[in-house]
Amino acid sequence: MRSIVVNCHRCPRRLLFLFFCAGNFGDLGFEVGGGAVEVIPMMMRGGRLMGLSSQVLGMRCFSTEIFVSRLSFYTTEEELKDVFSPFGNVKEARLMRDHQTGRMKGFGFVKYSSQAEAEKAVKAMDGRILRRRLSFVEMAKGPKNK
């Protein structure tokens, strides 16, 4: 059996992508930094990863910020902070505004002290109604690389 050593100290989720051309990998086990790693079967189709890849590949390591969409135009930053504070220590709550008019765009970001708090807020608040509007909450993605 071949041993692979991977240093994954920067990513607390301990995600490791290994690509196998053929064969059964259901019996394989991996260890990263002394902790067991879950093997997520994925398949290639047309050069693109299928399965959970869209969710897993879109996440950043150490993300403590969440994205909240479909907010009422009358929501304030103080309200946003109050709504999300039961899930952890909110470091910052900011609403995005139009540069020319100053009017709210209907989405914002909430930054937590830890990734666990952010994940708890996403699970609890996604699909909830805030100020008579169905709002969506997800982990914020990093800036796009150009």
N, C-alpha and C. Protein backbone atom coordinates (compact mmCIF):
# COMPACT_ATOMS: atom_id res chain seq x y z
N MET A 1 0.84 -1.18 0.00
CA MET A 1 0.00 0.00 0.00
C MET A 1 0.89 1.24 0.00
N ARG A 2 0.48 2.24 -0.73
CA ARG A 2 1.26 3.46 -0.86
C ARG A 2 0.77 4.50 0.15
N SER A 3 1.68 5.22 0.74
CA SER A 3 1.34 6.22 1.74
C SER A 3 1.51 7.62 1.15
N ILE A 4 0.53 8.48 1.39
CA ILE A 4 0.58 9.86 0.91
C ILE A 4 0.52 10.78 2.12
N VAL A 5 1.48 11.67 2.24
CA VAL A 5 1.50 12.61 3.35
C VAL A 5 1.12 13.98 2.80
N VAL A 6 0.11 14.60 3.41
CA VAL A 6 -0.37 15.90 2.96
C VAL A 6 -0.38 16.85 4.15
N ASN A 7 0.21 18.00 3.99
CA ASN A 7 0.19 19.02 5.04
C ASN A 7 -1.02 19.92 4.79
N CYS A 8 -2.02 19.81 5.61
CA CYS A 8 -3.27 20.55 5.43
C CYS A 8 -3.53 21.45 6.64
N HIS A 9 -2.48 22.08 7.17
CA HIS A 9 -2.62 22.86 8.40
C HIS A 9 -3.41 24.15 8.20
N ARG A 10 -3.56 24.66 6.97
CA ARG A 10 -4.25 25.93 6.75
C ARG A 10 -5.76 25.75 6.56
N CYS A 11 -6.23 24.54 6.39
CA CYS A 11 -7.64 24.33 6.10
C CYS A 11 -8.28 23.47 7.19
N PRO A 12 -9.11 24.06 8.04
CA PRO A 12 -9.69 23.30 9.15
C PRO A 12 -10.67 22.22 8.69
N ARG A 13 -11.24 22.34 7.50
CA ARG A 13 -12.18 21.34 7.02
C ARG A 13 -11.45 20.07 6.57
N ARG A 14 -10.13 20.17 6.39
CA ARG A 14 -9.30 19.05 5.99
C ARG A 14 -9.82 18.38 4.71
N LEU A 15 -10.01 19.18 3.68
CA LEU A 15 -10.46 18.66 2.40
C LEU A 15 -9.24 18.24 1.59
N LEU A 16 -9.34 17.10 0.99
CA LEU A 16 -8.23 16.56 0.22
C LEU A 16 -8.82 15.96 -1.04
N PHE A 17 -8.39 16.43 -2.20
CA PHE A 17 -8.90 15.91 -3.46
C PHE A 17 -7.86 15.00 -4.09
N LEU A 18 -8.23 13.76 -4.28
CA LEU A 18 -7.37 12.80 -4.96
C LEU A 18 -8.16 12.27 -6.14
N PHE A 19 -7.55 12.22 -7.29
CA PHE A 19 -8.24 11.77 -8.49
C PHE A 19 -7.74 10.37 -8.85
N PHE A 20 -8.68 9.45 -9.03
CA PHE A 20 -8.37 8.08 -9.41
C PHE A 20 -8.93 7.85 -10.80
N CYS A 21 -8.10 7.30 -11.66
CA CYS A 21 -8.55 7.05 -13.04
C CYS A 21 -9.49 5.85 -13.09
N ALA A 22 -9.22 4.84 -12.33
CA ALA A 22 -10.05 3.65 -12.34
C ALA A 22 -9.87 2.93 -11.02
N GLY A 23 -10.76 2.00 -10.76
CA GLY A 23 -10.61 1.18 -9.56
C GLY A 23 -11.60 1.54 -8.47
N ASN A 24 -11.66 0.67 -7.47
CA ASN A 24 -12.57 0.88 -6.36
C ASN A 24 -11.83 1.61 -5.25
N PHE A 25 -12.31 2.79 -4.86
CA PHE A 25 -11.66 3.53 -3.80
C PHE A 25 -12.53 3.63 -2.55
N GLY A 26 -13.56 2.82 -2.48
CA GLY A 26 -14.45 2.84 -1.33
C GLY A 26 -13.80 2.34 -0.05
N ASP A 27 -12.77 1.49 -0.19
CA ASP A 27 -12.11 0.92 0.98
C ASP A 27 -10.89 1.72 1.42
N LEU A 28 -10.59 2.80 0.72
CA LEU A 28 -9.41 3.58 1.07
C LEU A 28 -9.69 4.45 2.29
N GLY A 29 -8.69 4.64 3.09
CA GLY A 29 -8.79 5.54 4.23
C GLY A 29 -7.63 6.50 4.21
N PHE A 30 -7.86 7.73 4.62
CA PHE A 30 -6.81 8.72 4.61
C PHE A 30 -6.70 9.35 5.99
N GLU A 31 -5.50 9.79 6.30
CA GLU A 31 -5.27 10.53 7.53
C GLU A 31 -4.49 11.77 7.19
N VAL A 32 -4.95 12.91 7.70
CA VAL A 32 -4.25 14.17 7.50
C VAL A 32 -3.98 14.76 8.86
N GLY A 33 -2.74 14.93 9.21
CA GLY A 33 -2.37 15.52 10.49
C GLY A 33 -2.91 14.74 11.67
N GLY A 34 -3.03 13.43 11.54
CA GLY A 34 -3.48 12.60 12.65
C GLY A 34 -4.99 12.47 12.74
N GLY A 35 -5.75 13.18 11.90
CA GLY A 35 -7.21 13.09 11.93
C GLY A 35 -7.74 12.40 10.69
N ALA A 36 -8.79 11.61 10.85
CA ALA A 36 -9.36 10.90 9.72
C ALA A 36 -10.03 11.88 8.77
N VAL A 37 -10.01 11.55 7.50
CA VAL A 37 -10.59 12.38 6.45
C VAL A 37 -11.69 11.60 5.77
N GLU A 38 -12.82 12.23 5.55
CA GLU A 38 -13.93 11.57 4.87
C GLU A 38 -13.64 11.55 3.36
N VAL A 39 -13.88 10.41 2.74
CA VAL A 39 -13.69 10.28 1.30
C VAL A 39 -15.03 10.57 0.63
N ILE A 40 -15.08 11.59 -0.23
CA ILE A 40 -16.30 11.96 -0.93
C ILE A 40 -16.15 11.50 -2.37
N PRO A 41 -16.92 10.47 -2.77
CA PRO A 41 -16.80 10.00 -4.15
C PRO A 41 -17.33 11.05 -5.12
N MET A 42 -16.52 11.35 -6.12
CA MET A 42 -16.93 12.28 -7.17
C MET A 42 -16.54 11.66 -8.50
N MET A 43 -17.21 12.06 -9.53
CA MET A 43 -16.87 11.53 -10.84
C MET A 43 -16.68 12.66 -11.82
N MET A 44 -15.86 12.39 -12.81
CA MET A 44 -15.64 13.37 -13.87
C MET A 44 -16.65 13.11 -14.98
N ARG A 45 -17.26 14.17 -15.45
CA ARG A 45 -18.17 14.04 -16.59
C ARG A 45 -17.95 15.25 -17.47
N GLY A 46 -17.46 15.02 -18.65
CA GLY A 46 -17.23 16.12 -19.58
C GLY A 46 -16.18 17.10 -19.08
N GLY A 47 -15.20 16.61 -18.32
CA GLY A 47 -14.15 17.48 -17.81
C GLY A 47 -14.54 18.27 -16.57
N ARG A 48 -15.75 18.04 -16.02
CA ARG A 48 -16.20 18.76 -14.83
C ARG A 48 -16.49 17.78 -13.71
N LEU A 49 -16.19 18.18 -12.49
CA LEU A 49 -16.48 17.33 -11.33
C LEU A 49 -17.97 17.33 -11.06
N MET A 50 -18.52 16.17 -10.76
CA MET A 50 -19.94 16.04 -10.43
C MET A 50 -20.04 15.64 -8.96
N GLY A 51 -21.22 15.68 -8.42
CA GLY A 51 -21.44 15.30 -7.02
C GLY A 51 -21.45 16.53 -6.14
N LEU A 52 -20.75 16.49 -5.03
CA LEU A 52 -20.72 17.60 -4.09
C LEU A 52 -19.70 18.66 -4.45
N SER A 53 -19.08 18.52 -5.60
CA SER A 53 -17.96 19.39 -5.94
C SER A 53 -18.35 20.85 -6.00
N SER A 54 -19.54 21.17 -6.48
CA SER A 54 -19.91 22.58 -6.59
C SER A 54 -19.96 23.24 -5.22
N GLN A 55 -20.41 22.52 -4.21
CA GLN A 55 -20.45 23.09 -2.87
C GLN A 55 -19.07 23.11 -2.24
N VAL A 56 -18.32 22.02 -2.40
CA VAL A 56 -17.03 21.90 -1.73
C VAL A 56 -16.00 22.83 -2.36
N LEU A 57 -15.93 22.87 -3.69
CA LEU A 57 -14.93 23.69 -4.35
C LEU A 57 -15.21 25.18 -4.20
N GLY A 58 -16.46 25.54 -3.97
CA GLY A 58 -16.80 26.96 -3.84
C GLY A 58 -16.49 27.53 -2.47
N MET A 59 -16.15 26.70 -1.51
CA MET A 59 -15.91 27.19 -0.16
C MET A 59 -14.46 27.61 0.04
N ARG A 60 -14.25 28.59 0.87
CA ARG A 60 -12.90 29.03 1.22
C ARG A 60 -12.55 28.45 2.58
N CYS A 61 -11.27 28.26 2.79
CA CYS A 61 -10.81 27.87 4.11
C CYS A 61 -10.91 29.09 5.01
N PHE A 62 -11.22 28.89 6.25
CA PHE A 62 -11.28 29.95 7.26
C PHE A 62 -12.31 31.04 6.95
N SER A 63 -13.38 30.73 6.26
CA SER A 63 -14.40 31.73 5.97
C SER A 63 -15.25 31.98 7.22
N THR A 64 -15.27 33.22 7.67
CA THR A 64 -16.09 33.57 8.83
C THR A 64 -17.17 34.55 8.43
N GLU A 65 -17.32 34.78 7.14
CA GLU A 65 -18.29 35.76 6.65
C GLU A 65 -19.41 35.05 5.90
N ILE A 66 -20.64 35.53 6.11
CA ILE A 66 -21.79 34.98 5.41
C ILE A 66 -22.42 36.05 4.52
N PHE A 67 -23.07 35.59 3.47
CA PHE A 67 -23.74 36.45 2.50
C PHE A 67 -25.24 36.31 2.71
N VAL A 68 -25.94 37.43 2.87
CA VAL A 68 -27.39 37.43 3.10
C VAL A 68 -28.03 38.17 1.93
N SER A 69 -28.93 37.49 1.21
CA SER A 69 -29.56 38.10 0.04
C SER A 69 -31.07 38.22 0.22
N ARG A 70 -31.68 39.01 -0.65
CA ARG A 70 -33.13 39.28 -0.68
C ARG A 70 -33.59 39.99 0.60
N LEU A 71 -32.79 40.91 1.09
CA LEU A 71 -33.17 41.69 2.27
C LEU A 71 -34.11 42.83 1.87
N SER A 72 -34.92 43.25 2.79
CA SER A 72 -35.78 44.41 2.58
C SER A 72 -34.90 45.65 2.43
N PHE A 73 -35.35 46.58 1.60
CA PHE A 73 -34.60 47.82 1.40
C PHE A 73 -34.63 48.71 2.64
N TYR A 74 -35.45 48.37 3.61
CA TYR A 74 -35.57 49.15 4.84
C TYR A 74 -34.77 48.55 5.99
N THR A 75 -34.09 47.44 5.75
CA THR A 75 -33.27 46.80 6.79
C THR A 75 -32.08 47.69 7.12
N THR A 76 -31.77 47.80 8.40
CA THR A 76 -30.62 48.59 8.83
C THR A 76 -29.49 47.64 9.26
N GLU A 77 -28.29 48.17 9.32
CA GLU A 77 -27.15 47.34 9.74
C GLU A 77 -27.31 46.89 11.19
N GLU A 78 -27.90 47.72 12.02
CA GLU A 78 -28.14 47.35 13.42
C GLU A 78 -29.13 46.18 13.50
N GLU A 79 -30.19 46.21 12.69
CA GLU A 79 -31.15 45.10 12.65
C GLU A 79 -30.48 43.81 12.19
N LEU A 80 -29.65 43.93 11.16
CA LEU A 80 -28.95 42.76 10.63
C LEU A 80 -28.06 42.14 11.71
N LYS A 81 -27.36 42.98 12.43
CA LYS A 81 -26.50 42.50 13.52
C LYS A 81 -27.33 41.84 14.62
N ASP A 82 -28.45 42.43 14.98
CA ASP A 82 -29.32 41.87 16.03
C ASP A 82 -29.90 40.52 15.63
N VAL A 83 -30.29 40.37 14.37
CA VAL A 83 -30.90 39.13 13.90
C VAL A 83 -29.89 37.98 13.92
N PHE A 84 -28.63 38.28 13.59
CA PHE A 84 -27.62 37.22 13.48
C PHE A 84 -26.77 37.04 14.74
N SER A 85 -26.92 37.90 15.73
CA SER A 85 -26.11 37.77 16.95
C SER A 85 -26.42 36.55 17.83
N PRO A 86 -27.63 35.96 17.79
CA PRO A 86 -27.84 34.76 18.62
C PRO A 86 -26.96 33.56 18.23
N PHE A 87 -26.34 33.61 17.07
CA PHE A 87 -25.55 32.47 16.60
C PHE A 87 -24.07 32.61 16.88
N GLY A 88 -23.67 33.75 17.44
CA GLY A 88 -22.26 33.94 17.77
C GLY A 88 -21.90 35.41 17.84
N ASN A 89 -20.63 35.66 18.06
CA ASN A 89 -20.12 37.02 18.18
C ASN A 89 -20.00 37.66 16.79
N VAL A 90 -20.90 38.62 16.50
CA VAL A 90 -20.88 39.30 15.21
C VAL A 90 -19.85 40.42 15.26
N LYS A 91 -18.80 40.31 14.45
CA LYS A 91 -17.77 41.34 14.40
C LYS A 91 -18.21 42.53 13.56
N GLU A 92 -18.95 42.24 12.48
CA GLU A 92 -19.35 43.30 11.56
C GLU A 92 -20.58 42.86 10.78
N ALA A 93 -21.50 43.80 10.58
CA ALA A 93 -22.66 43.58 9.71
C ALA A 93 -22.72 44.78 8.78
N ARG A 94 -22.67 44.50 7.47
CA ARG A 94 -22.70 45.62 6.54
C ARG A 94 -23.66 45.35 5.39
N LEU A 95 -24.35 46.39 4.99
CA LEU A 95 -25.29 46.32 3.89
C LEU A 95 -24.67 47.00 2.67
N MET A 96 -24.90 46.44 1.52
CA MET A 96 -24.36 47.01 0.29
C MET A 96 -25.33 48.07 -0.25
N ARG A 97 -24.77 49.21 -0.62
CA ARG A 97 -25.56 50.33 -1.12
C ARG A 97 -25.09 50.75 -2.50
N ASP A 98 -25.99 51.34 -3.26
CA ASP A 98 -25.66 51.90 -4.56
C ASP A 98 -24.78 53.12 -4.34
N HIS A 99 -23.69 53.21 -5.09
CA HIS A 99 -22.73 54.32 -4.90
C HIS A 99 -23.33 55.67 -5.25
N GLN A 100 -24.19 55.71 -6.25
CA GLN A 100 -24.73 57.00 -6.70
C GLN A 100 -25.91 57.46 -5.86
N THR A 101 -26.83 56.56 -5.57
CA THR A 101 -28.05 56.95 -4.86
C THR A 101 -27.97 56.73 -3.36
N GLY A 102 -27.10 55.84 -2.90
CA GLY A 102 -27.02 55.52 -1.49
C GLY A 102 -28.11 54.56 -1.03
N ARG A 103 -28.94 54.12 -1.97
CA ARG A 103 -30.04 53.22 -1.65
C ARG A 103 -29.52 51.79 -1.45
N MET A 104 -30.16 51.07 -0.52
CA MET A 104 -29.79 49.69 -0.21
C MET A 104 -30.01 48.80 -1.43
N LYS A 105 -29.07 47.87 -1.67
CA LYS A 105 -29.17 46.97 -2.82
C LYS A 105 -29.95 45.69 -2.52
N GLY A 106 -30.20 45.40 -1.24
CA GLY A 106 -30.97 44.21 -0.90
C GLY A 106 -30.13 43.02 -0.48
N PHE A 107 -28.84 43.23 -0.25
CA PHE A 107 -28.00 42.14 0.26
C PHE A 107 -26.91 42.73 1.14
N GLY A 108 -26.31 41.84 1.95
CA GLY A 108 -25.28 42.29 2.86
C GLY A 108 -24.42 41.14 3.34
N PHE A 109 -23.48 41.46 4.22
CA PHE A 109 -22.55 40.48 4.75
C PHE A 109 -22.50 40.59 6.27
N VAL A 110 -22.34 39.44 6.92
CA VAL A 110 -22.19 39.40 8.38
C VAL A 110 -20.91 38.62 8.66
N LYS A 111 -20.03 39.21 9.45
CA LYS A 111 -18.75 38.57 9.77
C LYS A 111 -18.76 38.12 11.23
N TYR A 112 -18.40 36.84 11.44
CA TYR A 112 -18.36 36.25 12.77
C TYR A 112 -16.92 36.08 13.25
N SER A 113 -16.78 35.76 14.52
CA SER A 113 -15.46 35.51 15.11
C SER A 113 -14.88 34.18 14.66
N SER A 114 -15.74 33.19 14.39
CA SER A 114 -15.25 31.87 14.01
C SER A 114 -16.09 31.29 12.87
N GLN A 115 -15.50 30.33 12.20
CA GLN A 115 -16.19 29.66 11.10
C GLN A 115 -17.38 28.84 11.61
N ALA A 116 -17.25 28.25 12.78
CA ALA A 116 -18.34 27.44 13.34
C ALA A 116 -19.58 28.30 13.59
N GLU A 117 -19.39 29.51 14.08
CA GLU A 117 -20.53 30.42 14.30
C GLU A 117 -21.19 30.79 12.98
N ALA A 118 -20.38 31.04 11.97
CA ALA A 118 -20.92 31.40 10.65
C ALA A 118 -21.73 30.25 10.07
N GLU A 119 -21.21 29.02 10.18
CA GLU A 119 -21.92 27.86 9.67
C GLU A 119 -23.24 27.64 10.41
N LYS A 120 -23.22 27.87 11.73
CA LYS A 120 -24.44 27.73 12.52
C LYS A 120 -25.51 28.73 12.06
N ALA A 121 -25.10 29.95 11.77
CA ALA A 121 -26.03 30.99 11.31
C ALA A 121 -26.60 30.63 9.94
N VAL A 122 -25.78 30.10 9.06
CA VAL A 122 -26.25 29.72 7.73
C VAL A 122 -27.32 28.64 7.84
N LYS A 123 -27.04 27.63 8.65
CA LYS A 123 -28.01 26.53 8.81
C LYS A 123 -29.32 27.01 9.41
N ALA A 124 -29.25 27.93 10.36
CA ALA A 124 -30.45 28.38 11.05
C ALA A 124 -31.25 29.41 10.26
N MET A 125 -30.58 30.27 9.50
CA MET A 125 -31.26 31.42 8.90
C MET A 125 -31.55 31.30 7.40
N ASP A 126 -30.98 30.34 6.72
CA ASP A 126 -31.24 30.20 5.29
C ASP A 126 -32.70 29.84 5.04
N GLY A 127 -33.37 30.63 4.22
CA GLY A 127 -34.78 30.37 3.90
C GLY A 127 -35.75 30.95 4.91
N ARG A 128 -35.29 31.79 5.82
CA ARG A 128 -36.16 32.43 6.81
C ARG A 128 -36.74 33.74 6.26
N ILE A 129 -37.83 34.16 6.85
CA ILE A 129 -38.46 35.42 6.45
C ILE A 129 -37.98 36.52 7.38
N LEU A 130 -37.40 37.56 6.79
CA LEU A 130 -36.94 38.73 7.53
C LEU A 130 -37.64 39.95 6.94
N ARG A 131 -38.36 40.68 7.78
CA ARG A 131 -39.10 41.87 7.33
C ARG A 131 -40.00 41.56 6.14
N ARG A 132 -40.76 40.47 6.27
CA ARG A 132 -41.73 40.02 5.27
C ARG A 132 -41.12 39.61 3.93
N ARG A 133 -39.84 39.27 3.93
CA ARG A 133 -39.19 38.81 2.70
C ARG A 133 -38.45 37.52 2.97
N LEU A 134 -38.54 36.58 2.03
CA LEU A 134 -37.81 35.32 2.12
C LEU A 134 -36.35 35.61 1.81
N SER A 135 -35.48 35.41 2.78
CA SER A 135 -34.06 35.71 2.63
C SER A 135 -33.25 34.43 2.52
N PHE A 136 -32.13 34.54 1.83
CA PHE A 136 -31.23 33.40 1.67
C PHE A 136 -29.88 33.74 2.28
N VAL A 137 -29.30 32.74 2.94
CA VAL A 137 -28.02 32.93 3.63
C VAL A 137 -27.07 31.82 3.20
N GLU A 138 -25.84 32.19 2.87
CA GLU A 138 -24.82 31.21 2.50
C GLU A 138 -23.45 31.73 2.90
N MET A 139 -22.47 30.84 2.89
CA MET A 139 -21.10 31.25 3.19
C MET A 139 -20.64 32.17 2.07
N ALA A 140 -20.00 33.27 2.45
CA ALA A 140 -19.51 34.22 1.44
C ALA A 140 -18.33 33.62 0.70
N LYS A 141 -18.29 33.87 -0.58
CA LYS A 141 -17.19 33.39 -1.41
C LYS A 141 -16.14 34.48 -1.50
N GLY A 142 -14.92 34.07 -1.72
CA GLY A 142 -13.82 35.03 -1.85
C GLY A 142 -13.93 35.83 -3.13
N PRO A 143 -13.13 36.86 -3.28
CA PRO A 143 -13.14 37.64 -4.50
C PRO A 143 -12.70 36.79 -5.69
N LYS A 144 -13.31 37.07 -6.84
CA LYS A 144 -12.97 36.30 -8.04
C LYS A 144 -11.58 36.68 -8.52
N ASN A 145 -10.82 35.67 -8.91
CA ASN A 145 -9.48 35.91 -9.46
C ASN A 145 -9.60 36.29 -10.91
N LYS A 146 -8.92 37.34 -11.30
CA LYS A 146 -8.99 37.78 -12.70
C LYS A 146 -7.75 37.38 -13.44
